[in-house]
Every structure is written in structure tokens, then in C-alpha cells.
Amino acid sequence: MQVAKWGNSLSVRLPIALVQKLGIAEGDQLQVVASVRRGTGATLAVRREPSKLERLQAMRKYRGVLGADFRFNRDEANAR
């Protein structure tokens, strides 16, 4: 990959193989994490952040139905 100047910032052009492997498209959010290992120098890990819709769909598996007689009790919920 080559680093290029883009305005006042630097940019990296991703190879198509990486784009396809990560399943990313224009507008997706990426997380880039640098790690330093002794003897091997610094490396970067890139992963695609899930979209809002993907996060919502993932949370749906935790959705439950409360009974009609359920009443939330703040004191009971916060009791330790």
C-alpha cells in the first residue's frame, strides 16, 4: 500500500483483495489499530465497524417480552 497526501491529511489506498475480504464499501467506518512487536516493528490491524443496522440486528437476539403484570422496581434493580 502507498501513503499519499490528501489535503492536510495522509491517506492509504486499500488493495481490492483486502476490500473484498473485509466486505467494505465506500462510506463504511474502519478501525485501524497499531501494535508494536519486538523485533518485527509496527503492524496495523484493519477491521470494518458494523453499520447501525447490523448492530441493531445483533441486539435483537437479546430482545425479550415482559409479562403483562411486570412492573419495574428501581430499588429492587439497584439493590446489592
N, C-alpha and C. Protein backbone atom coordinates (compact mmCIF):
# COMPACT_ATOMS: atom_id res chain seq x y z
N MET A 1 0.85 -1.18 0.00
CA MET A 1 0.00 0.00 0.00
C MET A 1 0.89 1.23 0.00
N GLN A 2 0.39 2.26 -0.58
CA GLN A 2 1.14 3.51 -0.67
C GLN A 2 0.42 4.60 0.10
N VAL A 3 1.17 5.37 0.85
CA VAL A 3 0.63 6.50 1.59
C VAL A 3 0.69 7.72 0.68
N ALA A 4 -0.42 8.47 0.61
CA ALA A 4 -0.48 9.65 -0.26
C ALA A 4 -1.02 10.84 0.54
N LYS A 5 -0.75 12.03 0.07
CA LYS A 5 -1.24 13.25 0.70
C LYS A 5 -2.65 13.51 0.21
N TRP A 6 -3.57 13.84 1.13
CA TRP A 6 -4.95 14.17 0.77
C TRP A 6 -5.33 15.39 1.59
N GLY A 7 -5.25 16.58 1.02
CA GLY A 7 -5.46 17.82 1.76
C GLY A 7 -4.35 17.97 2.78
N ASN A 8 -4.73 18.17 4.05
CA ASN A 8 -3.74 18.27 5.13
C ASN A 8 -3.49 16.92 5.80
N SER A 9 -4.10 15.87 5.29
CA SER A 9 -4.01 14.55 5.90
C SER A 9 -3.24 13.60 5.00
N LEU A 10 -3.02 12.39 5.51
CA LEU A 10 -2.44 11.31 4.72
C LEU A 10 -3.52 10.27 4.49
N SER A 11 -3.44 9.57 3.36
CA SER A 11 -4.41 8.54 3.05
C SER A 11 -3.69 7.28 2.59
N VAL A 12 -4.40 6.17 2.67
CA VAL A 12 -3.88 4.89 2.21
C VAL A 12 -4.91 4.30 1.27
N ARG A 13 -4.47 3.86 0.11
CA ARG A 13 -5.36 3.21 -0.85
C ARG A 13 -5.32 1.71 -0.55
N LEU A 14 -6.51 1.13 -0.34
CA LEU A 14 -6.58 -0.29 0.02
C LEU A 14 -6.64 -1.16 -1.23
N PRO A 15 -5.91 -2.25 -1.24
CA PRO A 15 -5.98 -3.17 -2.38
C PRO A 15 -7.35 -3.84 -2.45
N ILE A 16 -7.81 -4.15 -3.65
CA ILE A 16 -9.13 -4.72 -3.85
C ILE A 16 -9.29 -6.05 -3.11
N ALA A 17 -8.23 -6.83 -3.01
CA ALA A 17 -8.31 -8.11 -2.30
C ALA A 17 -8.68 -7.89 -0.83
N LEU A 18 -8.10 -6.87 -0.20
CA LEU A 18 -8.42 -6.55 1.19
C LEU A 18 -9.84 -6.02 1.31
N VAL A 19 -10.24 -5.18 0.38
CA VAL A 19 -11.60 -4.62 0.38
C VAL A 19 -12.62 -5.75 0.29
N GLN A 20 -12.39 -6.70 -0.59
CA GLN A 20 -13.32 -7.82 -0.74
C GLN A 20 -13.31 -8.73 0.48
N LYS A 21 -12.13 -8.97 1.03
CA LYS A 21 -12.02 -9.84 2.21
C LYS A 21 -12.76 -9.25 3.40
N LEU A 22 -12.65 -7.92 3.60
CA LEU A 22 -13.31 -7.25 4.71
C LEU A 22 -14.78 -6.93 4.41
N GLY A 23 -15.16 -6.99 3.14
CA GLY A 23 -16.54 -6.68 2.76
C GLY A 23 -16.86 -5.21 2.96
N ILE A 24 -15.92 -4.33 2.67
CA ILE A 24 -16.14 -2.91 2.90
C ILE A 24 -16.54 -2.21 1.61
N ALA A 25 -17.21 -1.08 1.79
CA ALA A 25 -17.66 -0.27 0.66
C ALA A 25 -17.46 1.20 1.02
N GLU A 26 -17.62 2.06 0.04
CA GLU A 26 -17.48 3.49 0.27
C GLU A 26 -18.44 3.94 1.37
N GLY A 27 -17.94 4.71 2.32
CA GLY A 27 -18.76 5.21 3.42
C GLY A 27 -18.70 4.36 4.67
N ASP A 28 -18.17 3.12 4.59
CA ASP A 28 -18.05 2.28 5.77
C ASP A 28 -17.02 2.87 6.73
N GLN A 29 -17.22 2.60 8.01
CA GLN A 29 -16.28 3.03 9.04
C GLN A 29 -15.29 1.89 9.29
N LEU A 30 -14.00 2.22 9.34
CA LEU A 30 -12.97 1.23 9.61
C LEU A 30 -12.28 1.55 10.93
N GLN A 31 -11.80 0.52 11.57
CA GLN A 31 -11.00 0.69 12.77
C GLN A 31 -9.59 0.20 12.44
N VAL A 32 -8.61 1.06 12.62
CA VAL A 32 -7.22 0.73 12.35
C VAL A 32 -6.48 0.80 13.68
N VAL A 33 -5.84 -0.31 14.06
CA VAL A 33 -5.15 -0.39 15.33
C VAL A 33 -3.69 -0.72 15.08
N ALA A 34 -2.80 0.06 15.66
CA ALA A 34 -1.37 -0.19 15.53
C ALA A 34 -0.89 -1.01 16.71
N SER A 35 -0.03 -1.97 16.43
CA SER A 35 0.60 -2.74 17.51
C SER A 35 2.09 -2.84 17.21
N VAL A 36 2.88 -2.80 18.26
CA VAL A 36 4.33 -2.86 18.11
C VAL A 36 4.81 -4.16 18.73
N ARG A 37 5.55 -4.93 17.94
CA ARG A 37 6.11 -6.19 18.43
C ARG A 37 7.61 -6.09 18.40
N ARG A 38 8.25 -6.63 19.40
CA ARG A 38 9.71 -6.59 19.47
C ARG A 38 10.32 -7.33 18.28
N GLY A 39 11.26 -6.69 17.65
CA GLY A 39 11.98 -7.33 16.56
C GLY A 39 11.30 -7.27 15.21
N THR A 40 9.98 -7.10 15.18
CA THR A 40 9.27 -7.10 13.89
C THR A 40 8.77 -5.72 13.50
N GLY A 41 8.86 -4.75 14.40
CA GLY A 41 8.39 -3.40 14.10
C GLY A 41 6.90 -3.26 14.34
N ALA A 42 6.33 -2.22 13.78
CA ALA A 42 4.91 -1.93 13.98
C ALA A 42 4.07 -2.60 12.90
N THR A 43 2.88 -3.03 13.28
CA THR A 43 1.92 -3.60 12.33
C THR A 43 0.58 -2.91 12.52
N LEU A 44 -0.25 -2.98 11.51
CA LEU A 44 -1.59 -2.41 11.57
C LEU A 44 -2.62 -3.50 11.40
N ALA A 45 -3.68 -3.43 12.17
CA ALA A 45 -4.81 -4.33 12.01
C ALA A 45 -5.99 -3.47 11.55
N VAL A 46 -6.69 -3.91 10.51
CA VAL A 46 -7.81 -3.17 9.96
C VAL A 46 -9.05 -4.04 10.04
N ARG A 47 -10.14 -3.47 10.55
CA ARG A 47 -11.41 -4.19 10.54
C ARG A 47 -12.54 -3.21 10.27
N ARG A 48 -13.60 -3.72 9.67
CA ARG A 48 -14.76 -2.90 9.35
C ARG A 48 -15.66 -2.82 10.57
N GLU A 49 -16.07 -1.60 10.91
CA GLU A 49 -17.02 -1.41 12.00
C GLU A 49 -18.41 -1.80 11.51
N PRO A 50 -19.21 -2.47 12.33
CA PRO A 50 -20.56 -2.80 11.90
C PRO A 50 -21.41 -1.54 11.70
N SER A 51 -22.32 -1.60 10.74
CA SER A 51 -23.21 -0.47 10.49
C SER A 51 -24.26 -0.40 11.59
N LYS A 52 -25.01 0.69 11.63
CA LYS A 52 -26.07 0.83 12.63
C LYS A 52 -27.09 -0.29 12.50
N LEU A 53 -27.44 -0.63 11.26
CA LEU A 53 -28.41 -1.69 11.03
C LEU A 53 -27.88 -3.04 11.51
N GLU A 54 -26.61 -3.32 11.25
CA GLU A 54 -26.01 -4.58 11.70
C GLU A 54 -25.97 -4.65 13.22
N ARG A 55 -25.69 -3.53 13.88
CA ARG A 55 -25.69 -3.52 15.35
C ARG A 55 -27.09 -3.74 15.90
N LEU A 56 -28.08 -3.12 15.27
CA LEU A 56 -29.47 -3.30 15.70
C LEU A 56 -29.90 -4.75 15.54
N GLN A 57 -29.55 -5.36 14.42
CA GLN A 57 -29.91 -6.75 14.19
C GLN A 57 -29.22 -7.67 15.20
N ALA A 58 -27.99 -7.35 15.57
CA ALA A 58 -27.27 -8.16 16.56
C ALA A 58 -27.92 -8.03 17.94
N MET A 59 -28.45 -6.85 18.27
CA MET A 59 -29.07 -6.64 19.58
C MET A 59 -30.44 -7.31 19.66
N ARG A 60 -31.08 -7.54 18.53
CA ARG A 60 -32.43 -8.12 18.54
C ARG A 60 -32.47 -9.49 19.17
N LYS A 61 -31.37 -10.24 19.14
CA LYS A 61 -31.38 -11.56 19.76
C LYS A 61 -31.52 -11.48 21.28
N TYR A 62 -31.25 -10.31 21.86
CA TYR A 62 -31.38 -10.13 23.30
C TYR A 62 -32.75 -9.60 23.70
N ARG A 63 -33.58 -9.29 22.72
CA ARG A 63 -34.90 -8.73 23.00
C ARG A 63 -35.77 -9.79 23.66
N GLY A 64 -36.46 -9.41 24.69
CA GLY A 64 -37.35 -10.32 25.37
C GLY A 64 -38.71 -9.67 25.56
N VAL A 65 -39.67 -10.49 25.85
CA VAL A 65 -41.02 -9.99 26.07
C VAL A 65 -41.32 -10.10 27.56
N LEU A 66 -41.73 -9.00 28.15
CA LEU A 66 -42.07 -8.98 29.56
C LEU A 66 -43.56 -9.28 29.72
N GLY A 67 -43.88 -9.94 30.79
CA GLY A 67 -45.27 -10.28 31.05
C GLY A 67 -46.12 -9.03 31.27
N ALA A 68 -47.42 -9.16 31.08
CA ALA A 68 -48.34 -8.03 31.22
C ALA A 68 -48.35 -7.50 32.65
N ASP A 69 -48.05 -8.36 33.62
CA ASP A 69 -48.07 -7.95 35.02
C ASP A 69 -46.71 -7.45 35.52
N PHE A 70 -45.71 -7.34 34.63
CA PHE A 70 -44.37 -6.91 35.04
C PHE A 70 -44.39 -5.43 35.40
N ARG A 71 -43.76 -5.11 36.53
CA ARG A 71 -43.59 -3.72 36.97
C ARG A 71 -42.12 -3.53 37.33
N PHE A 72 -41.52 -2.52 36.75
CA PHE A 72 -40.11 -2.24 37.04
C PHE A 72 -40.01 -1.60 38.41
N ASN A 73 -39.12 -2.12 39.25
CA ASN A 73 -38.89 -1.59 40.58
C ASN A 73 -37.44 -1.13 40.63
N ARG A 74 -37.23 0.19 40.62
CA ARG A 74 -35.88 0.75 40.60
C ARG A 74 -35.07 0.32 41.83
N ASP A 75 -35.70 0.33 43.00
CA ASP A 75 -34.98 -0.06 44.22
C ASP A 75 -34.53 -1.52 44.15
N GLU A 76 -35.38 -2.38 43.64
CA GLU A 76 -35.02 -3.78 43.52
C GLU A 76 -33.91 -3.99 42.49
N ALA A 77 -33.96 -3.26 41.39
CA ALA A 77 -32.95 -3.39 40.34
C ALA A 77 -31.59 -2.91 40.82
N ASN A 78 -31.56 -1.90 41.68
CA ASN A 78 -30.29 -1.32 42.15
C ASN A 78 -29.82 -1.87 43.48
N ALA A 79 -30.57 -2.79 44.07
CA ALA A 79 -30.17 -3.37 45.36
C ALA A 79 -28.97 -4.28 45.17
N ARG A 80 -28.02 -4.15 46.09
CA ARG A 80 -26.81 -5.00 46.01
C ARG A 80 -26.53 -5.61 47.34
